[in-house]
Amino acid sequence: MADFLDFFRSEVVGDRGAPGASTQQQVEALNRVSLLCKVLGPSKTRQLLIPLFLDLQQQVKDRDELLCLFAVQWRTVASTAAADDTATAHEKQVALAQCADALAVLAAAEEKCIRHEAVASLLSLPSLLSPPHRKAFVQQRLLPISKALAANEACLFARCAAARLLPHLLCHSEPRSPAESLPREGDMSPEKQHPPQKDARAAPSGAEMYREFDDAADAAESLTTKRIEQLFEALCADESLLVRREALQQLPALVEGSRAARIASATATTAGSSADTATAPAEDEAQLVALRILREAFGETSDYLRAAAAESVVALATSYPPPTSCLVGLTPSASPRGPHLQPSCDLPVTSTPPAGERESNGVFSVGELLSLYLRSASDPSWRVRSVAAKELYSIVSFSPLNFGEIYPSLCLLLQDSAVREVRLAAISSLAKITQVLPQEETTQKLLPLVQQLLQGALLSAKPPAADSWDTLGPAPPLFPPPPSHAASIAAAIDAALAVWQAAESVAAVSISREVFMTLQQGDLVTAVCIAKRLNDFCRLYQPKASSSGGAPAAEAAQLVEALCEFRRGVGQTGDWRLRLEIVKQMPAVAQTLGVKFFISSLSPFLFDSFCDPIHQVREAAVDACEELIPAVGYRWAVESLLPRLVRSFEGCVPSQDSRGALQDFGGSQGLHGDANTTASPYLRRIVVQHTLPKLAAALPLDISVKHVVPLLLEGLQDAVPNVRLTAAEMLRIIAKQKTLPPQTLADPLEVLSADEDVDVRFSAKLALAACRAASAA
């Protein structure tokens, strides 16, 4: 075993007198610790590997990338050592105490990833012991370590680690004594808890740190639930913003730990009723402490702290059972900041009561947390409002009965000046809110907001009026629109679809009309965004079309025709994206609007998409064929699609009618200014070959043999090697799919396997092998 350990040491720190190991070698060696533990076994890991790991950590104490691996691998070492069946419970606790001491040093590291991994490893140690010894280990080792970290005045990162540790260890602490009570306001001020720091970045050495932990363990002070809450409250009032932010983020864990401590104490006590009476105030006290800390945090000047407090408010509120009745008095504390959105219901907008006014009775209320959330929605900083916008769905789903009180805050966030950070997040939350609101309330409150969102998204792309331009400055650019415009349009359309699906039937007509007007008044970005969701619009129109006996939905047809009309009037480059999206949505349009509409309006555009100069458009046309044939019918495929593919393969130029259809949909003229600019003839023949496997899979066997096989054979005999190679590859795909009889294609492949082109020969041999395998099967 000594050889394994010596080799491991040499990989991590190098041989004595030899150059040090490379970083890559050190990382690979540390990643193999689990394998080393398996080789050594639990007993040798406890006796030999833990001391070696302690020594190696000391030697690489200045290498952050290695220390992070040490913080992770201590979990593997500790779990292996704890599995030693030959060791006594005391020996296991001693081994885990050594691991905890090493991790405590890493928990005070400046690098965030090292701290977090070290804290995670420390919190995993109690689960390695049996329940009777778990609480003793936490009280004798982990809680003193946490206290030493919290009292470390020289290193703020140690206090950050303590803020993450203490809430999760609260459930293992001793219950508070009856004499303990809540401290008065100001008892935990930063001046009383932490004198001015000497150097916030100067962490103590490893030896000093170990000595501090040993001294703390020797003191053997019993940390009660009350004392841990006091330590944590002191961290929330720390003079370092980083420590206060870390503590604020862990407030929900503190309350959850207090709740778990109460349950554990009640379970362990034989007199259940007396235990509930004694420990019931513990959770209430932790809740009131958390509520007071959050109120004070919202008065901080740093928006990072207020944002952390907003996150904790949401997490804490949603951890309780939802209220069974509407809570009154929940209103935002600021007036709207913009002109576009206004609440559609008459709700009073008042200021939030001063901190402590509703806590005077000493009873915790979920309504207090909801009031704090509404306060975050009107915060002056976009960073805090961003948290409110992202968590809007969580709050509404937690308490849908109070949506009427939350609604003004939603209007504030939807008109926020920070488009990407706040407004888009609020629109996404609005789309999710439809899942938890009643249908009537969705129609009453969210439908007007969607209409105003679509109108407001158009305003972001329109240039200012000519009389408002600065005549001395440069003219405002027409293209491109602001980067946030596309995201705003897409988010507004997503919200419109969500409200359409969840609201009453009257909302469908209103939203359909609004989307149609948005398309008519919008730009290319608007058209592309609507075209991307055309499938969803058609799916929503489908019930109406079905109820009318299969007649096309007039609104859906109007929307598709509006997209075509839009392309007729657009004369800018980049319109291939609109052509691409329309081709992708053709199967859904054909299923919704019927065969007649598809053949008259979209079929010519599909045919010309096979010759489109953009590869993505040609590829989309090929992929659409397999879904279109079942929707439109075999007759259309035989009478229209296949003849057009034959003409394209033979090099025929597009007909005059099809060219007009191409231009109607923004064909080559919109891209290059030349109506004859299409894919080269050999590329068109390759596209035809790519279409044949799709046709063979969608058509009956007799039609495929009659119409698809001749095109395949022509491809195998083409004068261009790339076309022959593509035809052979398509034959291989068809043979694997078994959509055509392989014996009809084997003979041409035999000839092609002797082709003069090496790539063609290779593809032909692969296809021939696939045909033979299909015949044998």
Foldseek 3Di string as FASTA:
>chain_A
DVVVLVVLLCQQARDVPDDGHDPVSNVVSLVCVLVVLVVCFQVCLLVPVLVSLLVSCQVPVPPVVNLLSSLQCLLSSLLRNLPDPVDDLVSNLVSVLSSLLSLLLQLLAPDPSSNVSSLVSNLCNLVSHDVVCSLVSCLLAVVLSLVLLLLPQAEVSSLLSSLVNLLSNQLSAAADDPVDDDDDPPPLAQVVRHPHYPHHNDDDRSVVSSVSRVVSSVVSDRQHSRNSLSSLLNQCNHPDPSSVLSNLLCLLSNLVSLVSNLVVQLVVDPPNVVSCVRSVVSSLRSLVSNLLSLLVQCVDPDVSSVQSSLLSLLVNLLVDQADPAADPDQAAADAADDDQFDFLDDDDHHHDDHPPPVCVVVGDDSSSSSSSLSPQLPDPDLSSVLSSLQCVLSVCLRYVNHVVRCLNSLRRQCRDPPCPRGNLSNLLSLLNNLVRHAQAVLVRTVLVVLLSLLVVLQVQLDDDDPVPDDPVDDDDDNDDGDPCSLSSLLSSVSSLLSSCVRHDVVSVVVSLVSLLVSLLSHALSNLLSCLLCLLSVLVSCQVVCVVVVNAADPSSLSSVVSLLQNLLPDQAAPSVSNLLSNLLCLLSCCQRHHQVSCVVQPVLSLLCQLFAADPSSNVSSLVVVLSVCVSNHPVCCVPPVLVSLVCLLVPHQDDPVSLVSCSSNNGPCSHPVDSRDTHDSVSSLLSSLSNLLSCLVRDAAVVCVVRSVVSLLVQCVDPDLVSNLSSLQSLLVCLVVVSYQLVVPLVSLVVQCPDPDPSSVVSSVSSNVSNVVSVVD
